[in-house]
């Protein structure tokens, strides 16, 4: 079965600087995928190359098995950067004009997209009266006009209030259930965690991670560090002993004892250390109550690379 989108060794250079460096990934039908990275990481540049708006320095893009740019782009809907409209026209007339440019889009589809994005009640108002959030919704409606196989959204929640963001989340989930592939860049990581089963993380133009959100957030057996809980009746004595060891971090007391973090490979050293120093304990177990969110894992992945700057 042909993948919806294939990105093969995509690179974009501006002079000697690589905005995007040898990025490859594949999206299948119905996938909802988050695209994460700091400002300047290369997210928008990658999306613009996928949409055929700029040419890559090297590499290629295929949509439904055909090269981009080309006729296959009619199967893509995109909202990249802040959408622009004719301010003196109504939202509905802006969509009608876009439908004519695209060709073969019936009038009923204009009404359907207004309904899908919650803009039907304001469709007759001039865009000049719209808030930024309403413009974002209208941009999403325009991207949906052609009933695309791939929907590509660059920061779609910009300007939306919390209620609008929650509604957008459900709309995006619904697209995936309908078999539409959705590729979403966003800086609202708590939202991406709720609707995207898969995430790509990019920084300085390099794709650092392509994984399921569940796998990224789940504790793994080969994690370098782990949190443990030590049950003891003498927490003060335990803290005194443990604080002497540089390999033990994040010490804190609990109702039942002490919580701490240490290298997984060094866990075997903990019990002998306590016994040798006269600290009695009843149990030591890995603490699975420590929750990990997408934002903390994202920051861990990009690590000390920092912000690439300059190219979005």
C-alpha atoms as a PDB file:
ATOM      1  CA  UNK A   1       0.000   0.000   0.000  1.00  0.00           C
ATOM      2  CA  UNK A   2       1.360   3.415  -1.013  1.00  0.00           C
ATOM      3  CA  UNK A   3       2.193   5.786   1.849  1.00  0.00           C
ATOM      4  CA  UNK A   4       0.346   9.090   1.891  1.00  0.00           C
ATOM      5  CA  UNK A   5       3.555  11.094   2.325  1.00  0.00           C
ATOM      6  CA  UNK A   6       7.199  10.146   1.793  1.00  0.00           C
ATOM      7  CA  UNK A   7       9.943  12.606   2.721  1.00  0.00           C
ATOM      8  CA  UNK A   8      13.309  11.371   1.473  1.00  0.00           C
ATOM      9  CA  UNK A   9      16.617  12.912   2.634  1.00  0.00           C
ATOM     10  CA  UNK A  10      15.184  16.415   2.459  1.00  0.00           C
ATOM     11  CA  UNK A  11      17.656  19.293   2.912  1.00  0.00           C
ATOM     12  CA  UNK A  12      17.484  23.052   2.498  1.00  0.00           C
ATOM     13  CA  UNK A  13      20.522  25.306   2.672  1.00  0.00           C
ATOM     14  CA  UNK A  14      20.738  29.074   2.760  1.00  0.00           C
ATOM     15  CA  UNK A  15      24.337  29.814   1.890  1.00  0.00           C
ATOM     16  CA  UNK A  16      26.467  27.654   4.167  1.00  0.00           C
ATOM     17  CA  UNK A  17      23.714  27.203   6.749  1.00  0.00           C
ATOM     18  CA  UNK A  18      21.464  24.155   6.677  1.00  0.00           C
ATOM     19  CA  UNK A  19      17.901  25.044   7.683  1.00  0.00           C
ATOM     20  CA  UNK A  20      16.868  21.415   7.152  1.00  0.00           C
ATOM     21  CA  UNK A  21      19.428  18.618   7.072  1.00  0.00           C
ATOM     22  CA  UNK A  22      18.730  15.171   5.563  1.00  0.00           C
ATOM     23  CA  UNK A  23      15.230  14.700   7.003  1.00  0.00           C
ATOM     24  CA  UNK A  24      13.327  11.511   6.121  1.00  0.00           C
ATOM     25  CA  UNK A  25       9.998  10.139   7.338  1.00  0.00           C
ATOM     26  CA  UNK A  26       6.803   8.511   6.074  1.00  0.00           C
ATOM     27  CA  UNK A  27       3.156   9.155   6.977  1.00  0.00           C
ATOM     28  CA  UNK A  28       0.444   6.570   6.462  1.00  0.00           C
ATOM     29  CA  UNK A  29      -3.291   7.007   5.905  1.00  0.00           C
ATOM     30  CA  UNK A  30      -5.174   8.189   8.986  1.00  0.00           C
ATOM     31  CA  UNK A  31      -2.092   9.001  11.057  1.00  0.00           C
ATOM     32  CA  UNK A  32      -2.158  12.104  13.243  1.00  0.00           C
ATOM     33  CA  UNK A  33       1.445  13.173  13.776  1.00  0.00           C
ATOM     34  CA  UNK A  34       2.851  16.063  15.830  1.00  0.00           C
ATOM     35  CA  UNK A  35       5.881  17.981  14.538  1.00  0.00           C
ATOM     36  CA  UNK A  36       7.820  19.519  17.418  1.00  0.00           C
ATOM     37  CA  UNK A  37      10.824  21.776  17.689  1.00  0.00           C
ATOM     38  CA  UNK A  38      11.877  25.209  19.005  1.00  0.00           C
ATOM     39  CA  UNK A  39      11.594  28.344  16.899  1.00  0.00           C
ATOM     40  CA  UNK A  40      14.199  28.123  14.159  1.00  0.00           C
ATOM     41  CA  UNK A  41      14.341  24.319  14.245  1.00  0.00           C
ATOM     42  CA  UNK A  42      13.242  23.900  10.616  1.00  0.00           C
ATOM     43  CA  UNK A  43       9.555  22.956  11.060  1.00  0.00           C
ATOM     44  CA  UNK A  44       8.039  25.558   8.733  1.00  0.00           C
ATOM     45  CA  UNK A  45      10.835  25.192   6.172  1.00  0.00           C
ATOM     46  CA  UNK A  46      10.167  21.448   6.060  1.00  0.00           C
ATOM     47  CA  UNK A  47       6.430  22.028   5.652  1.00  0.00           C
ATOM     48  CA  UNK A  48       6.939  24.579   2.893  1.00  0.00           C
ATOM     49  CA  UNK A  49       9.076  22.084   0.957  1.00  0.00           C
ATOM     50  CA  UNK A  50       6.449  19.364   1.430  1.00  0.00           C
ATOM     51  CA  UNK A  51       3.782  21.737   0.100  1.00  0.00           C
ATOM     52  CA  UNK A  52       5.914  22.627  -2.931  1.00  0.00           C
ATOM     53  CA  UNK A  53       6.194  26.287  -1.894  1.00  0.00           C
ATOM     54  CA  UNK A  54       9.998  26.232  -1.888  1.00  0.00           C
ATOM     55  CA  UNK A  55      12.441  23.872  -3.569  1.00  0.00           C
ATOM     56  CA  UNK A  56      14.736  21.627  -1.519  1.00  0.00           C
ATOM     57  CA  UNK A  57      18.492  21.836  -1.978  1.00  0.00           C
ATOM     58  CA  UNK A  58      18.477  18.046  -2.101  1.00  0.00           C
ATOM     59  CA  UNK A  59      16.073  15.194  -1.459  1.00  0.00           C
ATOM     60  CA  UNK A  60      12.485  14.800  -2.605  1.00  0.00           C
ATOM     61  CA  UNK A  61       8.871  14.555  -1.478  1.00  0.00           C
ATOM     62  CA  UNK A  62       6.216  12.146  -2.719  1.00  0.00           C
ATOM     63  CA  UNK A  63       2.498  12.527  -2.066  1.00  0.00           C
ATOM     64  CA  UNK A  64       0.482   9.377  -2.777  1.00  0.00           C
ATOM     65  CA  UNK A  65       3.486   8.005  -4.643  1.00  0.00           C
ATOM     66  CA  UNK A  66       3.879  11.002  -6.972  1.00  0.00           C
ATOM     67  CA  UNK A  67       6.540  13.693  -6.904  1.00  0.00           C
ATOM     68  CA  UNK A  68       5.895  17.108  -5.357  1.00  0.00           C
ATOM     69  CA  UNK A  69       5.355  19.624  -6.845  1.00  0.00           C
ATOM     70  CA  UNK A  70       2.849  18.144  -9.272  1.00  0.00           C
ATOM     71  CA  UNK A  71      -0.809  17.323  -9.844  1.00  0.00           C
ATOM     72  CA  UNK A  72      -0.902  15.235  -6.678  1.00  0.00           C
ATOM     73  CA  UNK A  73      -0.869  18.443  -4.595  1.00  0.00           C
ATOM     74  CA  UNK A  74      -4.628  18.655  -5.133  1.00  0.00           C
ATOM     75  CA  UNK A  75      -4.815  15.942  -2.464  1.00  0.00           C
ATOM     76  CA  UNK A  76      -3.130  18.174   0.130  1.00  0.00           C
ATOM     77  CA  UNK A  77      -4.712  20.831   2.315  1.00  0.00           C
ATOM     78  CA  UNK A  78      -2.316  23.130   4.114  1.00  0.00           C
ATOM     79  CA  UNK A  79      -2.321  26.032   6.538  1.00  0.00           C
ATOM     80  CA  UNK A  80       1.272  27.199   6.820  1.00  0.00           C
ATOM     81  CA  UNK A  81       2.035  30.306   8.843  1.00  0.00           C
ATOM     82  CA  UNK A  82      -0.745  32.827   9.520  1.00  0.00           C
ATOM     83  CA  UNK A  83      -3.437  32.545   6.818  1.00  0.00           C
ATOM     84  CA  UNK A  84      -4.203  35.623   4.701  1.00  0.00           C
ATOM     85  CA  UNK A  85      -7.559  36.588   3.182  1.00  0.00           C
ATOM     86  CA  UNK A  86      -9.285  39.406   1.363  1.00  0.00           C
ATOM     87  CA  UNK A  87     -10.451  41.527   4.321  1.00  0.00           C
ATOM     88  CA  UNK A  88     -13.285  43.224   2.392  1.00  0.00           C
ATOM     89  CA  UNK A  89     -14.902  39.869   1.537  1.00  0.00           C
ATOM     90  CA  UNK A  90     -16.889  37.686   3.896  1.00  0.00           C
ATOM     91  CA  UNK A  91     -15.421  34.454   5.183  1.00  0.00           C
ATOM     92  CA  UNK A  92     -17.825  32.528   2.973  1.00  0.00           C
ATOM     93  CA  UNK A  93     -16.867  34.516  -0.144  1.00  0.00           C
ATOM     94  CA  UNK A  94     -13.177  34.015   0.602  1.00  0.00           C
ATOM     95  CA  UNK A  95     -13.810  30.277   0.627  1.00  0.00           C
ATOM     96  CA  UNK A  96     -15.858  30.485  -2.577  1.00  0.00           C
ATOM     97  CA  UNK A  97     -12.985  32.292  -4.287  1.00  0.00           C
ATOM     98  CA  UNK A  98     -10.490  29.670  -3.077  1.00  0.00           C
ATOM     99  CA  UNK A  99     -12.844  26.925  -4.313  1.00  0.00           C
ATOM    100  CA  UNK A 100     -12.933  28.472  -7.795  1.00  0.00           C
ATOM    101  CA  UNK A 101      -9.140  28.682  -7.909  1.00  0.00           C
ATOM    102  CA  UNK A 102      -8.874  25.044  -6.939  1.00  0.00           C
ATOM    103  CA  UNK A 103     -11.620  23.925  -9.342  1.00  0.00           C
ATOM    104  CA  UNK A 104     -14.296  21.217  -9.101  1.00  0.00           C
ATOM    105  CA  UNK A 105     -15.292  22.107  -5.532  1.00  0.00           C
ATOM    106  CA  UNK A 106     -19.090  22.344  -5.084  1.00  0.00           C
ATOM    107  CA  UNK A 107     -20.795  25.110  -3.135  1.00  0.00           C
ATOM    108  CA  UNK A 108     -21.983  22.631  -0.511  1.00  0.00           C
ATOM    109  CA  UNK A 109     -18.357  21.929   0.406  1.00  0.00           C
ATOM    110  CA  UNK A 110     -17.911  25.595   1.376  1.00  0.00           C
ATOM    111  CA  UNK A 111     -20.819  25.241   3.792  1.00  0.00           C
ATOM    112  CA  UNK A 112     -19.496  21.927   5.109  1.00  0.00           C
ATOM    113  CA  UNK A 113     -16.093  23.377   5.969  1.00  0.00           C
ATOM    114  CA  UNK A 114     -17.666  26.384   7.681  1.00  0.00           C
ATOM    115  CA  UNK A 115     -19.718  23.949   9.767  1.00  0.00           C
ATOM    116  CA  UNK A 116     -16.714  21.735  10.560  1.00  0.00           C
ATOM    117  CA  UNK A 117     -14.677  24.659  11.857  1.00  0.00           C
ATOM    118  CA  UNK A 118     -17.472  26.370  13.803  1.00  0.00           C
ATOM    119  CA  UNK A 119     -17.545  29.375  11.461  1.00  0.00           C
ATOM    120  CA  UNK A 120     -20.977  29.017   9.853  1.00  0.00           C
ATOM    121  CA  UNK A 121     -22.624  31.625  12.088  1.00  0.00           C
ATOM    122  CA  UNK A 122     -19.965  34.206  11.161  1.00  0.00           C
ATOM    123  CA  UNK A 123     -19.492  33.150   7.537  1.00  0.00           C
ATOM    124  CA  UNK A 124     -21.331  36.204   6.182  1.00  0.00           C
ATOM    125  CA  UNK A 125     -19.205  38.704   8.150  1.00  0.00           C
ATOM    126  CA  UNK A 126     -16.304  40.479   6.494  1.00  0.00           C
ATOM    127  CA  UNK A 127     -12.932  38.999   7.402  1.00  0.00           C
ATOM    128  CA  UNK A 128     -11.795  42.481   8.492  1.00  0.00           C
ATOM    129  CA  UNK A 129     -14.014  41.993  11.559  1.00  0.00           C
ATOM    130  CA  UNK A 130     -12.551  38.614  12.460  1.00  0.00           C
ATOM    131  CA  UNK A 131     -10.325  37.968  15.453  1.00  0.00           C
ATOM    132  CA  UNK A 132      -7.042  36.111  14.953  1.00  0.00           C
ATOM    133  CA  UNK A 133      -8.668  32.953  16.239  1.00  0.00           C
ATOM    134  CA  UNK A 134     -11.486  33.276  13.700  1.00  0.00           C
ATOM    135  CA  UNK A 135      -8.944  33.755  10.909  1.00  0.00           C
ATOM    136  CA  UNK A 136      -7.241  30.554  12.043  1.00  0.00           C
ATOM    137  CA  UNK A 137     -10.555  28.706  11.858  1.00  0.00           C
ATOM    138  CA  UNK A 138     -11.227  30.119   8.388  1.00  0.00           C
ATOM    139  CA  UNK A 139      -7.719  29.058   7.327  1.00  0.00           C
ATOM    140  CA  UNK A 140      -8.501  25.539   8.489  1.00  0.00           C
ATOM    141  CA  UNK A 141     -11.787  25.636   6.545  1.00  0.00           C
ATOM    142  CA  UNK A 142      -9.914  26.659   3.398  1.00  0.00           C
ATOM    143  CA  UNK A 143      -7.409  23.841   3.873  1.00  0.00           C
ATOM    144  CA  UNK A 144     -10.315  21.370   4.032  1.00  0.00           C
ATOM    145  CA  UNK A 145     -12.090  22.533   0.866  1.00  0.00           C
ATOM    146  CA  UNK A 146     -10.600  19.883  -1.411  1.00  0.00           C
ATOM    147  CA  UNK A 147     -11.350  17.002   0.994  1.00  0.00           C
ATOM    148  CA  UNK A 148      -7.601  16.340   1.233  1.00  0.00           C
ATOM    149  CA  UNK A 149      -5.857  13.040   1.904  1.00  0.00           C
ATOM    150  CA  UNK A 150      -3.124  14.962   3.755  1.00  0.00           C
ATOM    151  CA  UNK A 151      -3.843  17.941   5.987  1.00  0.00           C
ATOM    152  CA  UNK A 152      -0.788  19.926   7.033  1.00  0.00           C
ATOM    153  CA  UNK A 153      -1.220  22.508   9.793  1.00  0.00           C
ATOM    154  CA  UNK A 154       1.437  24.913  11.064  1.00  0.00           C
ATOM    155  CA  UNK A 155       0.565  26.140  14.577  1.00  0.00           C
ATOM    156  CA  UNK A 156      -3.207  25.880  14.025  1.00  0.00           C
ATOM    157  CA  UNK A 157      -4.059  26.850  17.621  1.00  0.00           C
ATOM    158  CA  UNK A 158      -2.554  30.345  17.339  1.00  0.00           C
ATOM    159  CA  UNK A 159      -5.055  32.913  18.573  1.00  0.00           C
ATOM    160  CA  UNK A 160      -7.558  30.363  19.860  1.00  0.00           C
ATOM    161  CA  UNK A 161      -8.932  30.549  23.393  1.00  0.00           C
ATOM    162  CA  UNK A 162      -8.858  27.426  25.602  1.00  0.00           C
ATOM    163  CA  UNK A 163     -12.340  26.399  24.445  1.00  0.00           C
ATOM    164  CA  UNK A 164     -11.310  26.823  20.802  1.00  0.00           C
ATOM    165  CA  UNK A 165      -8.154  24.783  21.362  1.00  0.00           C
ATOM    166  CA  UNK A 166     -10.175  21.955  22.910  1.00  0.00           C
ATOM    167  CA  UNK A 167     -12.595  22.022  19.959  1.00  0.00           C
ATOM    168  CA  UNK A 168      -9.697  21.992  17.493  1.00  0.00           C
ATOM    169  CA  UNK A 169      -8.234  18.965  19.266  1.00  0.00           C
ATOM    170  CA  UNK A 170     -11.447  17.007  18.752  1.00  0.00           C
ATOM    171  CA  UNK A 171     -11.696  18.099  15.110  1.00  0.00           C
ATOM    172  CA  UNK A 172      -8.134  16.888  14.435  1.00  0.00           C
ATOM    173  CA  UNK A 173      -8.844  13.555  16.113  1.00  0.00           C
ATOM    174  CA  UNK A 174     -11.932  13.224  13.915  1.00  0.00           C
ATOM    175  CA  UNK A 175      -9.893  13.744  10.743  1.00  0.00           C
ATOM    176  CA  UNK A 176      -7.680  10.795  11.642  1.00  0.00           C
ATOM    177  CA  UNK A 177     -10.738   8.626  12.275  1.00  0.00           C
ATOM    178  CA  UNK A 178     -11.983   9.560   8.784  1.00  0.00           C
ATOM    179  CA  UNK A 179      -8.722   8.308   7.262  1.00  0.00           C
ATOM    180  CA  UNK A 180      -7.231  11.772   6.677  1.00  0.00           C
ATOM    181  CA  UNK A 181      -3.528  12.014   7.479  1.00  0.00           C
ATOM    182  CA  UNK A 182      -2.809  15.051   9.669  1.00  0.00           C
ATOM    183  CA  UNK A 183       0.651  16.582  10.165  1.00  0.00           C
ATOM    184  CA  UNK A 184       0.611  19.294  12.846  1.00  0.00           C
ATOM    185  CA  UNK A 185       3.369  21.557  14.095  1.00  0.00           C
ATOM    186  CA  UNK A 186       2.635  23.103  17.470  1.00  0.00           C
ATOM    187  CA  UNK A 187       4.337  24.639  20.475  1.00  0.00           C
ATOM    188  CA  UNK A 188       1.416  23.717  22.773  1.00  0.00           C
ATOM    189  CA  UNK A 189       2.940  20.401  23.752  1.00  0.00           C
ATOM    190  CA  UNK A 190       0.255  19.508  26.285  1.00  0.00           C
ATOM    191  CA  UNK A 191      -2.263  19.575  23.426  1.00  0.00           C
ATOM    192  CA  UNK A 192      -0.125  17.547  21.010  1.00  0.00           C
ATOM    193  CA  UNK A 193       0.137  14.880  23.698  1.00  0.00           C
ATOM    194  CA  UNK A 194      -3.678  14.559  23.687  1.00  0.00           C
ATOM    195  CA  UNK A 195      -4.302  14.139  19.963  1.00  0.00           C
ATOM    196  CA  UNK A 196      -1.087  12.885  18.292  1.00  0.00           C
ATOM    197  CA  UNK A 197      -0.189   9.187  18.779  1.00  0.00           C
ATOM    198  CA  UNK A 198       3.135   9.849  17.010  1.00  0.00           C
ATOM    199  CA  UNK A 199       5.598  12.740  17.203  1.00  0.00           C
ATOM    200  CA  UNK A 200       8.612  13.921  15.217  1.00  0.00           C
ATOM    201  CA  UNK A 201      11.118  16.144  17.041  1.00  0.00           C
ATOM    202  CA  UNK A 202      13.408  18.383  15.016  1.00  0.00           C
ATOM    203  CA  UNK A 203      16.132  20.796  16.111  1.00  0.00           C
ATOM    204  CA  UNK A 204      18.730  22.705  14.110  1.00  0.00           C
ATOM    205  CA  UNK A 205      17.267  21.166  10.988  1.00  0.00           C
ATOM    206  CA  UNK A 206      17.987  17.594  12.100  1.00  0.00           C
ATOM    207  CA  UNK A 207      15.275  15.068  12.899  1.00  0.00           C
ATOM    208  CA  UNK A 208      16.135  13.863  16.406  1.00  0.00           C
ATOM    209  CA  UNK A 209      13.250  11.539  17.142  1.00  0.00           C
ATOM    210  CA  UNK A 210      10.433   9.775  15.282  1.00  0.00           C
ATOM    211  CA  UNK A 211       8.449   7.742  17.767  1.00  0.00           C
ATOM    212  CA  UNK A 212       5.044   7.034  19.263  1.00  0.00           C
ATOM    213  CA  UNK A 213       3.984   9.454  21.969  1.00  0.00           C
ATOM    214  CA  UNK A 214       3.347   6.500  24.281  1.00  0.00           C
ATOM    215  CA  UNK A 215       6.879   5.153  23.786  1.00  0.00           C
ATOM    216  CA  UNK A 216       8.403   8.596  24.335  1.00  0.00           C
ATOM    217  CA  UNK A 217       6.551   9.087  27.607  1.00  0.00           C
ATOM    218  CA  UNK A 218       6.731   5.526  28.939  1.00  0.00           C
ATOM    219  CA  UNK A 219       9.606   4.545  31.248  1.00  0.00           C
ATOM    220  CA  UNK A 220      11.966   2.194  29.422  1.00  0.00           C
ATOM    221  CA  UNK A 221      14.220  -0.531  30.705  1.00  0.00           C
ATOM    222  CA  UNK A 222      17.295   1.114  29.280  1.00  0.00           C
ATOM    223  CA  UNK A 223      16.673   4.574  30.742  1.00  0.00           C
ATOM    224  CA  UNK A 224      19.875   5.951  32.244  1.00  0.00           C
ATOM    225  CA  UNK A 225      18.213   7.082  35.488  1.00  0.00           C
ATOM    226  CA  UNK A 226      15.204   5.982  37.503  1.00  0.00           C
ATOM    227  CA  UNK A 227      13.294   7.177  40.582  1.00  0.00           C
ATOM    228  CA  UNK A 228      13.048   4.940  43.640  1.00  0.00           C
ATOM    229  CA  UNK A 229      11.125   5.030  46.879  1.00  0.00           C
ATOM    230  CA  UNK A 230      12.774   3.856  50.077  1.00  0.00           C
ATOM    231  CA  UNK A 231      10.510   2.904  52.989  1.00  0.00           C
ATOM    232  CA  UNK A 232      12.272   3.569  56.288  1.00  0.00           C
ATOM    233  CA  UNK A 233      11.365   4.634  59.830  1.00  0.00           C
ATOM    234  CA  UNK A 234      14.474   6.836  60.035  1.00  0.00           C
ATOM    235  CA  UNK A 235      14.208   9.201  57.060  1.00  0.00           C
ATOM    236  CA  UNK A 236      16.500  11.778  58.660  1.00  0.00           C
ATOM    237  CA  UNK A 237      19.317   9.248  59.040  1.00  0.00           C
ATOM    238  CA  UNK A 238      18.745   7.978  55.486  1.00  0.00           C
ATOM    239  CA  UNK A 239      18.963  11.518  54.082  1.00  0.00           C
ATOM    240  CA  UNK A 240      22.184  12.153  55.993  1.00  0.00           C
ATOM    241  CA  UNK A 241      23.791   9.063  54.451  1.00  0.00           C
ATOM    242  CA  UNK A 242      22.445   9.501  50.941  1.00  0.00           C
ATOM    243  CA  UNK A 243      23.428  13.174  50.642  1.00  0.00           C
ATOM    244  CA  UNK A 244      27.085  12.204  50.855  1.00  0.00           C
ATOM    245  CA  UNK A 245      26.860  10.324  47.549  1.00  0.00           C
ATOM    246  CA  UNK A 246      27.146  12.375  44.344  1.00  0.00           C
ATOM    247  CA  UNK A 247      25.481   9.629  42.269  1.00  0.00           C
ATOM    248  CA  UNK A 248      22.217   9.996  44.226  1.00  0.00           C
ATOM    249  CA  UNK A 249      20.049  12.951  43.194  1.00  0.00           C
ATOM    250  CA  UNK A 250      16.633  14.581  43.809  1.00  0.00           C
ATOM    251  CA  UNK A 251      16.348  13.527  47.437  1.00  0.00           C
ATOM    252  CA  UNK A 252      13.084  14.293  49.217  1.00  0.00           C
ATOM    253  CA  UNK A 253      11.190  12.912  52.186  1.00  0.00           C
ATOM    254  CA  UNK A 254       7.763  11.282  51.963  1.00  0.00           C
ATOM    255  CA  UNK A 255       5.294  10.049  54.565  1.00  0.00           C
ATOM    256  CA  UNK A 256       6.787   6.561  54.364  1.00  0.00           C
ATOM    257  CA  UNK A 257      10.456   7.375  53.822  1.00  0.00           C
ATOM    258  CA  UNK A 258      12.624   8.895  51.084  1.00  0.00           C
ATOM    259  CA  UNK A 259      12.304   9.358  47.330  1.00  0.00           C
ATOM    260  CA  UNK A 260      15.473   9.591  45.246  1.00  0.00           C
ATOM    261  CA  UNK A 261      16.853   9.318  41.726  1.00  0.00           C
ATOM    262  CA  UNK A 262      19.949   7.422  40.690  1.00  0.00           C
ATOM    263  CA  UNK A 263      21.529   5.679  37.687  1.00  0.00           C
ATOM    264  CA  UNK A 264      19.664   2.430  37.059  1.00  0.00           C
ATOM    265  CA  UNK A 265      22.953   0.542  36.771  1.00  0.00           C
ATOM    266  CA  UNK A 266      23.927   1.683  40.279  1.00  0.00           C
ATOM    267  CA  UNK A 267      20.732   0.594  42.031  1.00  0.00           C
ATOM    268  CA  UNK A 268      22.453  -2.507  43.450  1.00  0.00           C
ATOM    269  CA  UNK A 269      24.758  -0.236  45.492  1.00  0.00           C
ATOM    270  CA  UNK A 270      21.955   1.364  47.479  1.00  0.00           C
ATOM    271  CA  UNK A 271      21.047  -1.397  49.946  1.00  0.00           C
ATOM    272  CA  UNK A 272      24.644  -2.170  51.041  1.00  0.00           C
ATOM    273  CA  UNK A 273      25.284   1.566  51.499  1.00  0.00           C
ATOM    274  CA  UNK A 274      22.301   1.917  53.835  1.00  0.00           C
ATOM    275  CA  UNK A 275      23.051  -1.247  55.833  1.00  0.00           C
ATOM    276  CA  UNK A 276      26.729  -0.327  56.298  1.00  0.00           C
ATOM    277  CA  UNK A 277      25.653   3.026  57.747  1.00  0.00           C
ATOM    278  CA  UNK A 278      23.046   1.599  60.104  1.00  0.00           C
ATOM    279  CA  UNK A 279      19.942   2.687  58.211  1.00  0.00           C
ATOM    280  CA  UNK A 280      17.127   0.158  58.504  1.00  0.00           C
ATOM    281  CA  UNK A 281      14.581  -0.016  55.674  1.00  0.00           C
ATOM    282  CA  UNK A 282      11.657  -2.275  54.891  1.00  0.00           C
ATOM    283  CA  UNK A 283      11.397  -1.876  51.125  1.00  0.00           C
ATOM    284  CA  UNK A 284      13.039  -0.224  48.150  1.00  0.00           C
ATOM    285  CA  UNK A 285      11.147  -0.079  44.860  1.00  0.00           C
ATOM    286  CA  UNK A 286      11.104   1.865  41.661  1.00  0.00           C
ATOM    287  CA  UNK A 287       8.713   4.812  41.921  1.00  0.00           C
ATOM    288  CA  UNK A 288       6.245   4.623  39.025  1.00  0.00           C
ATOM    289  CA  UNK A 289       4.101   7.446  40.422  1.00  0.00           C
ATOM    290  CA  UNK A 290       6.405  10.055  38.889  1.00  0.00           C
ATOM    291  CA  UNK A 291       4.543  11.210  35.783  1.00  0.00           C
ATOM    292  CA  UNK A 292       6.315  12.289  32.631  1.00  0.00           C
ATOM    293  CA  UNK A 293       4.714  14.704  30.180  1.00  0.00           C
ATOM    294  CA  UNK A 294       5.531  15.450  26.574  1.00  0.00           C
ATOM    295  CA  UNK A 295       7.027  18.842  27.352  1.00  0.00           C
ATOM    296  CA  UNK A 296       9.632  17.470  29.765  1.00  0.00           C
ATOM    297  CA  UNK A 297      10.543  14.646  27.386  1.00  0.00           C
ATOM    298  CA  UNK A 298      10.765  17.093  24.469  1.00  0.00           C
ATOM    299  CA  UNK A 299      13.165  19.293  26.432  1.00  0.00           C
ATOM    300  CA  UNK A 300      15.220  16.221  27.308  1.00  0.00           C
ATOM    301  CA  UNK A 301      15.435  15.162  23.648  1.00  0.00           C
ATOM    302  CA  UNK A 302      16.611  18.529  22.314  1.00  0.00           C
ATOM    303  CA  UNK A 303      18.987  18.655  25.279  1.00  0.00           C
ATOM    304  CA  UNK A 304      21.749  21.205  25.012  1.00  0.00           C
ATOM    305  CA  UNK A 305      21.408  21.758  21.271  1.00  0.00           C
ATOM    306  CA  UNK A 306      19.633  25.037  21.985  1.00  0.00           C
ATOM    307  CA  UNK A 307      17.669  27.142  19.582  1.00  0.00           C
ATOM    308  CA  UNK A 308      18.813  27.056  15.979  1.00  0.00           C
ATOM    309  CA  UNK A 309      17.557  30.611  15.368  1.00  0.00           C
ATOM    310  CA  UNK A 310      16.972  32.444  12.144  1.00  0.00           C
ATOM    311  CA  UNK A 311      14.969  29.981  10.090  1.00  0.00           C
ATOM    312  CA  UNK A 312      11.566  28.908  11.306  1.00  0.00           C
END
